[in-house]
Amino acid sequence: MTPQEIAAKTGEHIGTSEWVEMGQDRINMFADATGDHQFIHIDEEKAKLTPFGGTIAHGFLTLSMIPYLSAKSDMPRVDGVKMGVNYGGNKTRFISPVRAGKRIRGHWKLLEMVEKRPGQWQQTSEITIEIDGEDKPALICEWITQFFV
């Protein structure tokens, strides 16, 4: 789709991703990559004694899954993209923990799509990361991406 066609969808739900499992191996690798080895993420025995009842994914791991979930979604794609970059976020709230072994998926609502300069488009989306079988989402954020066409 052209950027203008996507911009016409402002205010609409524009995509949902596939489900992705947040297994303990993924959580452990994220702990190693970031140096965040807090026991609630990696020590299954100690984590059982917490209100979570077991290990949980890092909130930032869940947030970092957005590009992967986006690639595995049915969102419309901008035609002729030469490059896309994460620009930042306006709001991020970690609502519920993602227990090891649970599946997550993303939902995108388009808040804004504007041309910042000729060929440079900025998309702001509200992204909700749902946890399979849970009433509350893992997180809700307002995320900004830029596309160069």
N, C-alpha and C. Protein backbone atom coordinates (compact mmCIF):
# COMPACT_ATOMS: atom_id res chain seq x y z
N MET A 1 0.85 -1.19 0.00
CA MET A 1 0.00 0.00 0.00
C MET A 1 0.89 1.25 0.00
N THR A 2 0.36 2.32 -0.50
CA THR A 2 1.09 3.58 -0.43
C THR A 2 0.99 4.12 0.99
N PRO A 3 1.92 4.99 1.37
CA PRO A 3 1.81 5.60 2.69
C PRO A 3 0.49 6.36 2.87
N GLN A 4 0.02 6.98 1.80
CA GLN A 4 -1.25 7.72 1.87
C GLN A 4 -2.44 6.79 2.14
N GLU A 5 -2.41 5.60 1.53
CA GLU A 5 -3.48 4.63 1.75
C GLU A 5 -3.47 4.13 3.20
N ILE A 6 -2.28 3.93 3.73
CA ILE A 6 -2.20 3.52 5.13
C ILE A 6 -2.65 4.66 6.03
N ALA A 7 -2.26 5.88 5.72
CA ALA A 7 -2.67 7.05 6.52
C ALA A 7 -4.19 7.16 6.59
N ALA A 8 -4.88 6.72 5.55
CA ALA A 8 -6.35 6.77 5.54
C ALA A 8 -6.95 5.82 6.57
N LYS A 9 -6.15 4.92 7.13
CA LYS A 9 -6.62 3.96 8.14
C LYS A 9 -6.40 4.47 9.57
N THR A 10 -6.06 5.73 9.72
CA THR A 10 -5.84 6.31 11.05
C THR A 10 -7.07 6.08 11.93
N GLY A 11 -6.80 5.61 13.15
CA GLY A 11 -7.87 5.32 14.10
C GLY A 11 -8.36 3.89 14.02
N GLU A 12 -7.88 3.13 13.05
CA GLU A 12 -8.34 1.75 12.85
C GLU A 12 -7.33 0.73 13.38
N HIS A 13 -7.86 -0.44 13.72
CA HIS A 13 -7.02 -1.60 14.01
C HIS A 13 -6.44 -2.04 12.67
N ILE A 14 -5.11 -2.12 12.57
CA ILE A 14 -4.51 -2.43 11.27
C ILE A 14 -3.77 -3.77 11.22
N GLY A 15 -3.71 -4.49 12.33
CA GLY A 15 -3.03 -5.77 12.24
C GLY A 15 -2.92 -6.53 13.55
N THR A 16 -2.77 -7.83 13.40
CA THR A 16 -2.56 -8.75 14.51
C THR A 16 -1.47 -9.72 14.10
N SER A 17 -0.59 -10.03 15.04
CA SER A 17 0.51 -10.96 14.75
C SER A 17 0.11 -12.39 15.04
N GLU A 18 1.01 -13.29 14.66
CA GLU A 18 0.90 -14.68 15.06
C GLU A 18 1.23 -14.78 16.55
N TRP A 19 0.88 -15.90 17.15
CA TRP A 19 1.27 -16.19 18.53
C TRP A 19 2.74 -16.61 18.57
N VAL A 20 3.44 -16.18 19.61
CA VAL A 20 4.85 -16.54 19.80
C VAL A 20 5.02 -16.97 21.26
N GLU A 21 5.67 -18.12 21.47
CA GLU A 21 5.91 -18.60 22.83
C GLU A 21 7.09 -17.88 23.46
N MET A 22 6.91 -17.52 24.71
CA MET A 22 7.98 -16.89 25.49
C MET A 22 8.55 -17.95 26.44
N GLY A 23 9.36 -18.83 25.88
CA GLY A 23 9.92 -19.94 26.64
C GLY A 23 11.08 -19.53 27.54
N GLN A 24 11.41 -20.41 28.46
CA GLN A 24 12.48 -20.12 29.41
C GLN A 24 13.82 -19.92 28.70
N ASP A 25 14.07 -20.64 27.62
CA ASP A 25 15.33 -20.45 26.89
C ASP A 25 15.45 -19.03 26.35
N ARG A 26 14.38 -18.50 25.79
CA ARG A 26 14.38 -17.12 25.28
C ARG A 26 14.63 -16.13 26.43
N ILE A 27 13.98 -16.37 27.55
CA ILE A 27 14.14 -15.50 28.72
C ILE A 27 15.59 -15.54 29.22
N ASN A 28 16.17 -16.74 29.28
CA ASN A 28 17.56 -16.87 29.73
C ASN A 28 18.53 -16.17 28.78
N MET A 29 18.29 -16.29 27.47
CA MET A 29 19.17 -15.63 26.50
C MET A 29 19.07 -14.11 26.64
N PHE A 30 17.85 -13.60 26.90
CA PHE A 30 17.70 -12.16 27.08
C PHE A 30 18.42 -11.72 28.35
N ALA A 31 18.33 -12.51 29.40
CA ALA A 31 19.05 -12.20 30.65
C ALA A 31 20.55 -12.12 30.38
N ASP A 32 21.07 -13.06 29.61
CA ASP A 32 22.50 -13.04 29.29
C ASP A 32 22.86 -11.84 28.43
N ALA A 33 22.00 -11.51 27.46
CA ALA A 33 22.29 -10.38 26.55
C ALA A 33 22.28 -9.05 27.29
N THR A 34 21.43 -8.92 28.30
CA THR A 34 21.27 -7.63 28.98
C THR A 34 21.95 -7.56 30.33
N GLY A 35 22.36 -8.71 30.87
CA GLY A 35 22.95 -8.73 32.20
C GLY A 35 21.93 -8.64 33.32
N ASP A 36 20.64 -8.76 32.98
CA ASP A 36 19.57 -8.71 33.98
C ASP A 36 19.24 -10.15 34.39
N HIS A 37 19.91 -10.62 35.43
CA HIS A 37 19.73 -11.99 35.91
C HIS A 37 18.91 -12.05 37.20
N GLN A 38 17.98 -11.12 37.38
CA GLN A 38 17.14 -11.16 38.56
C GLN A 38 16.44 -12.52 38.64
N PHE A 39 16.37 -13.07 39.83
CA PHE A 39 15.88 -14.44 40.01
C PHE A 39 14.47 -14.66 39.47
N ILE A 40 13.64 -13.64 39.44
CA ILE A 40 12.26 -13.85 38.95
C ILE A 40 12.23 -14.21 37.47
N HIS A 41 13.36 -14.01 36.79
CA HIS A 41 13.43 -14.35 35.38
C HIS A 41 14.13 -15.69 35.13
N ILE A 42 15.09 -16.06 35.97
CA ILE A 42 15.93 -17.21 35.61
C ILE A 42 15.98 -18.35 36.63
N ASP A 43 15.57 -18.09 37.86
CA ASP A 43 15.64 -19.14 38.89
C ASP A 43 14.24 -19.70 39.13
N GLU A 44 13.96 -20.82 38.49
CA GLU A 44 12.60 -21.38 38.51
C GLU A 44 12.15 -21.76 39.92
N GLU A 45 13.06 -22.26 40.74
CA GLU A 45 12.68 -22.67 42.10
C GLU A 45 12.35 -21.46 42.99
N LYS A 46 13.22 -20.47 42.99
CA LYS A 46 12.96 -19.26 43.80
C LYS A 46 11.73 -18.51 43.29
N ALA A 47 11.56 -18.48 41.97
CA ALA A 47 10.43 -17.74 41.38
C ALA A 47 9.09 -18.39 41.74
N LYS A 48 9.09 -19.69 42.01
CA LYS A 48 7.85 -20.37 42.42
C LYS A 48 7.32 -19.81 43.74
N LEU A 49 8.20 -19.24 44.55
CA LEU A 49 7.81 -18.72 45.86
C LEU A 49 7.27 -17.29 45.79
N THR A 50 7.26 -16.70 44.62
CA THR A 50 6.77 -15.32 44.45
C THR A 50 5.29 -15.35 44.08
N PRO A 51 4.63 -14.20 44.11
CA PRO A 51 3.22 -14.14 43.66
C PRO A 51 3.04 -14.55 42.20
N PHE A 52 4.14 -14.56 41.41
CA PHE A 52 4.04 -14.96 40.01
C PHE A 52 3.93 -16.47 39.86
N GLY A 53 4.40 -17.22 40.84
CA GLY A 53 4.31 -18.67 40.81
C GLY A 53 5.31 -19.35 39.88
N GLY A 54 6.23 -18.60 39.34
CA GLY A 54 7.24 -19.14 38.43
C GLY A 54 7.97 -17.99 37.75
N THR A 55 8.86 -18.34 36.86
CA THR A 55 9.64 -17.29 36.19
C THR A 55 8.77 -16.51 35.21
N ILE A 56 9.18 -15.27 34.99
CA ILE A 56 8.46 -14.38 34.07
C ILE A 56 9.47 -13.75 33.11
N ALA A 57 8.97 -13.40 31.94
CA ALA A 57 9.79 -12.70 30.96
C ALA A 57 10.07 -11.28 31.44
N HIS A 58 11.22 -10.77 31.08
CA HIS A 58 11.54 -9.38 31.35
C HIS A 58 10.54 -8.51 30.58
N GLY A 59 10.11 -7.42 31.20
CA GLY A 59 9.24 -6.49 30.48
C GLY A 59 9.88 -5.99 29.20
N PHE A 60 11.19 -5.70 29.27
CA PHE A 60 11.89 -5.21 28.09
C PHE A 60 12.05 -6.29 27.02
N LEU A 61 12.06 -7.56 27.43
CA LEU A 61 12.03 -8.64 26.43
C LEU A 61 10.72 -8.60 25.67
N THR A 62 9.62 -8.48 26.39
CA THR A 62 8.32 -8.41 25.74
C THR A 62 8.26 -7.21 24.79
N LEU A 63 8.72 -6.06 25.25
CA LEU A 63 8.76 -4.86 24.41
C LEU A 63 9.63 -5.09 23.18
N SER A 64 10.76 -5.75 23.36
CA SER A 64 11.69 -5.96 22.24
C SER A 64 11.15 -6.93 21.20
N MET A 65 10.08 -7.63 21.51
CA MET A 65 9.48 -8.56 20.55
C MET A 65 8.64 -7.84 19.49
N ILE A 66 8.42 -6.54 19.65
CA ILE A 66 7.56 -5.80 18.71
C ILE A 66 8.02 -5.93 17.26
N PRO A 67 9.30 -5.73 16.93
CA PRO A 67 9.68 -5.89 15.51
C PRO A 67 9.42 -7.31 14.98
N TYR A 68 9.69 -8.32 15.78
CA TYR A 68 9.45 -9.70 15.36
C TYR A 68 7.94 -9.94 15.15
N LEU A 69 7.15 -9.50 16.13
CA LEU A 69 5.70 -9.68 16.01
C LEU A 69 5.16 -8.91 14.81
N SER A 70 5.70 -7.74 14.57
CA SER A 70 5.28 -6.94 13.41
C SER A 70 5.54 -7.70 12.11
N ALA A 71 6.71 -8.32 12.02
CA ALA A 71 7.05 -9.08 10.82
C ALA A 71 6.14 -10.29 10.64
N LYS A 72 5.61 -10.79 11.75
CA LYS A 72 4.74 -11.97 11.72
C LYS A 72 3.26 -11.57 11.79
N SER A 73 2.94 -10.35 11.33
CA SER A 73 1.57 -9.86 11.41
C SER A 73 0.96 -9.70 10.03
N ASP A 74 -0.33 -9.41 10.03
CA ASP A 74 -1.06 -9.16 8.79
C ASP A 74 -1.21 -7.66 8.50
N MET A 75 -0.36 -6.84 9.09
CA MET A 75 -0.44 -5.41 8.86
C MET A 75 -0.13 -5.07 7.41
N PRO A 76 -0.76 -4.03 6.89
CA PRO A 76 -0.41 -3.60 5.52
C PRO A 76 1.03 -3.10 5.50
N ARG A 77 1.71 -3.37 4.43
CA ARG A 77 3.11 -2.95 4.25
C ARG A 77 3.17 -1.75 3.32
N VAL A 78 4.09 -0.84 3.64
CA VAL A 78 4.29 0.34 2.79
C VAL A 78 5.08 -0.09 1.56
N ASP A 79 4.57 0.26 0.37
CA ASP A 79 5.25 -0.05 -0.88
C ASP A 79 6.57 0.71 -0.98
N GLY A 80 7.58 0.05 -1.50
CA GLY A 80 8.83 0.71 -1.84
C GLY A 80 9.68 1.18 -0.68
N VAL A 81 9.56 0.55 0.48
CA VAL A 81 10.35 0.96 1.63
C VAL A 81 11.82 0.61 1.39
N LYS A 82 12.69 1.62 1.53
CA LYS A 82 14.13 1.41 1.43
C LYS A 82 14.71 1.06 2.79
N MET A 83 14.08 1.62 3.85
CA MET A 83 14.58 1.39 5.21
C MET A 83 13.49 1.79 6.19
N GLY A 84 13.41 1.08 7.29
CA GLY A 84 12.53 1.43 8.40
C GLY A 84 13.32 1.43 9.69
N VAL A 85 13.02 2.35 10.58
CA VAL A 85 13.73 2.42 11.86
C VAL A 85 12.74 2.67 12.99
N ASN A 86 13.08 2.14 14.16
CA ASN A 86 12.34 2.49 15.37
C ASN A 86 12.75 3.90 15.75
N TYR A 87 11.78 4.75 15.99
CA TYR A 87 12.07 6.14 16.34
C TYR A 87 11.92 6.38 17.84
N GLY A 88 11.06 5.59 18.48
CA GLY A 88 10.89 5.74 19.93
C GLY A 88 9.46 5.49 20.34
N GLY A 89 9.21 5.80 21.61
CA GLY A 89 7.88 5.60 22.14
C GLY A 89 7.41 6.79 22.94
N ASN A 90 6.11 6.99 22.95
CA ASN A 90 5.53 8.06 23.76
C ASN A 90 5.06 7.54 25.11
N LYS A 91 4.57 6.32 25.13
CA LYS A 91 4.04 5.73 26.36
C LYS A 91 4.33 4.23 26.33
N THR A 92 4.69 3.68 27.46
CA THR A 92 4.82 2.23 27.61
C THR A 92 4.37 1.87 29.01
N ARG A 93 3.46 0.92 29.09
CA ARG A 93 2.99 0.43 30.38
C ARG A 93 3.04 -1.09 30.39
N PHE A 94 3.74 -1.65 31.39
CA PHE A 94 3.80 -3.10 31.58
C PHE A 94 2.64 -3.46 32.50
N ILE A 95 1.61 -4.07 31.96
CA ILE A 95 0.36 -4.31 32.67
C ILE A 95 0.40 -5.62 33.46
N SER A 96 0.79 -6.70 32.79
CA SER A 96 0.79 -8.03 33.42
C SER A 96 2.06 -8.78 33.05
N PRO A 97 2.57 -9.59 33.97
CA PRO A 97 3.78 -10.36 33.66
C PRO A 97 3.47 -11.49 32.67
N VAL A 98 4.45 -11.81 31.86
CA VAL A 98 4.35 -12.94 30.93
C VAL A 98 5.09 -14.10 31.56
N ARG A 99 4.35 -15.10 31.99
CA ARG A 99 4.97 -16.27 32.61
C ARG A 99 5.70 -17.09 31.55
N ALA A 100 6.81 -17.68 31.95
CA ALA A 100 7.57 -18.54 31.03
C ALA A 100 6.65 -19.62 30.46
N GLY A 101 6.73 -19.81 29.16
CA GLY A 101 5.91 -20.80 28.48
C GLY A 101 4.62 -20.26 27.90
N LYS A 102 4.24 -19.04 28.28
CA LYS A 102 3.01 -18.44 27.73
C LYS A 102 3.28 -17.92 26.31
N ARG A 103 2.19 -17.78 25.56
CA ARG A 103 2.29 -17.22 24.22
C ARG A 103 1.79 -15.78 24.23
N ILE A 104 2.40 -14.95 23.38
CA ILE A 104 1.98 -13.57 23.23
C ILE A 104 1.69 -13.28 21.75
N ARG A 105 0.91 -12.23 21.52
CA ARG A 105 0.74 -11.72 20.16
C ARG A 105 0.45 -10.24 20.24
N GLY A 106 0.71 -9.54 19.16
CA GLY A 106 0.54 -8.10 19.12
C GLY A 106 -0.67 -7.68 18.31
N HIS A 107 -1.25 -6.55 18.72
CA HIS A 107 -2.36 -5.91 18.00
C HIS A 107 -1.95 -4.46 17.77
N TRP A 108 -2.14 -3.97 16.55
CA TRP A 108 -1.76 -2.61 16.18
C TRP A 108 -2.97 -1.77 15.82
N LYS A 109 -3.01 -0.57 16.38
CA LYS A 109 -4.00 0.44 16.01
C LYS A 109 -3.21 1.65 15.50
N LEU A 110 -3.53 2.12 14.31
CA LEU A 110 -2.82 3.26 13.73
C LEU A 110 -3.33 4.55 14.34
N LEU A 111 -2.43 5.30 14.96
CA LEU A 111 -2.78 6.59 15.55
C LEU A 111 -2.47 7.75 14.62
N GLU A 112 -1.37 7.60 13.84
CA GLU A 112 -0.97 8.69 12.95
C GLU A 112 0.02 8.17 11.91
N MET A 113 -0.07 8.71 10.72
CA MET A 113 0.89 8.43 9.65
C MET A 113 1.08 9.74 8.90
N VAL A 114 2.25 10.34 9.08
CA VAL A 114 2.51 11.66 8.48
C VAL A 114 3.84 11.65 7.74
N GLU A 115 3.89 12.47 6.70
CA GLU A 115 5.13 12.63 5.96
C GLU A 115 5.93 13.75 6.61
N LYS A 116 7.08 13.41 7.18
CA LYS A 116 7.92 14.38 7.88
C LYS A 116 8.74 15.21 6.89
N ARG A 117 9.25 14.55 5.87
CA ARG A 117 10.00 15.15 4.76
C ARG A 117 9.64 14.35 3.53
N PRO A 118 9.93 14.84 2.35
CA PRO A 118 9.63 14.03 1.16
C PRO A 118 10.28 12.64 1.26
N GLY A 119 9.46 11.60 1.20
CA GLY A 119 9.93 10.23 1.26
C GLY A 119 10.20 9.68 2.65
N GLN A 120 9.97 10.48 3.68
CA GLN A 120 10.19 10.03 5.07
C GLN A 120 8.86 10.10 5.81
N TRP A 121 8.31 8.93 6.13
CA TRP A 121 7.01 8.82 6.78
C TRP A 121 7.18 8.36 8.22
N GLN A 122 6.37 8.92 9.09
CA GLN A 122 6.39 8.55 10.51
C GLN A 122 5.04 7.97 10.89
N GLN A 123 5.09 6.75 11.41
CA GLN A 123 3.87 6.04 11.82
C GLN A 123 3.87 5.89 13.33
N THR A 124 2.79 6.32 13.96
CA THR A 124 2.60 6.14 15.40
C THR A 124 1.46 5.15 15.59
N SER A 125 1.74 4.10 16.35
CA SER A 125 0.74 3.05 16.57
C SER A 125 0.59 2.77 18.06
N GLU A 126 -0.62 2.42 18.44
CA GLU A 126 -0.84 1.87 19.77
C GLU A 126 -0.71 0.36 19.61
N ILE A 127 0.21 -0.22 20.38
CA ILE A 127 0.45 -1.65 20.30
C ILE A 127 0.07 -2.29 21.63
N THR A 128 -0.76 -3.30 21.55
CA THR A 128 -1.15 -4.07 22.73
C THR A 128 -0.60 -5.48 22.56
N ILE A 129 0.17 -5.93 23.54
CA ILE A 129 0.70 -7.29 23.52
C ILE A 129 -0.18 -8.14 24.43
N GLU A 130 -0.92 -9.03 23.82
CA GLU A 130 -1.86 -9.91 24.50
C GLU A 130 -1.14 -11.17 24.98
N ILE A 131 -1.58 -11.71 26.12
CA ILE A 131 -1.07 -12.98 26.65
C ILE A 131 -2.17 -14.02 26.47
N ASP A 132 -1.85 -15.12 25.83
CA ASP A 132 -2.82 -16.18 25.58
C ASP A 132 -3.44 -16.66 26.89
N GLY A 133 -4.77 -16.62 26.96
CA GLY A 133 -5.50 -17.11 28.12
C GLY A 133 -5.58 -16.15 29.29
N GLU A 134 -5.05 -14.94 29.15
CA GLU A 134 -5.07 -13.96 30.25
C GLU A 134 -6.06 -12.83 29.93
N ASP A 135 -6.65 -12.27 30.97
CA ASP A 135 -7.60 -11.17 30.80
C ASP A 135 -6.93 -9.85 30.48
N LYS A 136 -5.77 -9.62 31.09
CA LYS A 136 -5.07 -8.35 30.90
C LYS A 136 -3.87 -8.54 29.97
N PRO A 137 -3.56 -7.51 29.18
CA PRO A 137 -2.40 -7.63 28.30
C PRO A 137 -1.08 -7.54 29.05
N ALA A 138 -0.02 -7.96 28.39
CA ALA A 138 1.32 -7.83 28.96
C ALA A 138 1.74 -6.37 28.97
N LEU A 139 1.48 -5.69 27.86
CA LEU A 139 1.85 -4.28 27.78
C LEU A 139 1.01 -3.56 26.75
N ILE A 140 0.97 -2.26 26.92
CA ILE A 140 0.37 -1.35 25.95
C ILE A 140 1.37 -0.23 25.75
N CYS A 141 1.67 0.08 24.50
CA CYS A 141 2.60 1.17 24.25
C CYS A 141 2.16 1.97 23.02
N GLU A 142 2.67 3.16 22.95
CA GLU A 142 2.51 4.01 21.78
C GLU A 142 3.88 4.08 21.15
N TRP A 143 4.03 3.47 19.97
CA TRP A 143 5.34 3.31 19.37
C TRP A 143 5.42 4.05 18.04
N ILE A 144 6.60 4.61 17.76
CA ILE A 144 6.82 5.40 16.56
C ILE A 144 7.87 4.74 15.68
N THR A 145 7.53 4.58 14.41
CA THR A 145 8.42 4.01 13.42
C THR A 145 8.54 4.99 12.25
N GLN A 146 9.71 5.06 11.66
CA GLN A 146 9.87 5.88 10.46
C GLN A 146 10.23 4.98 9.28
N PHE A 147 9.63 5.32 8.13
CA PHE A 147 9.87 4.60 6.88
C PHE A 147 10.43 5.56 5.85
N PHE A 148 11.40 5.09 5.09
CA PHE A 148 11.98 5.89 4.03
C PHE A 148 11.66 5.22 2.70
N VAL A 149 10.98 5.94 1.83
CA VAL A 149 10.57 5.39 0.52
C VAL A 149 11.20 6.17 -0.62
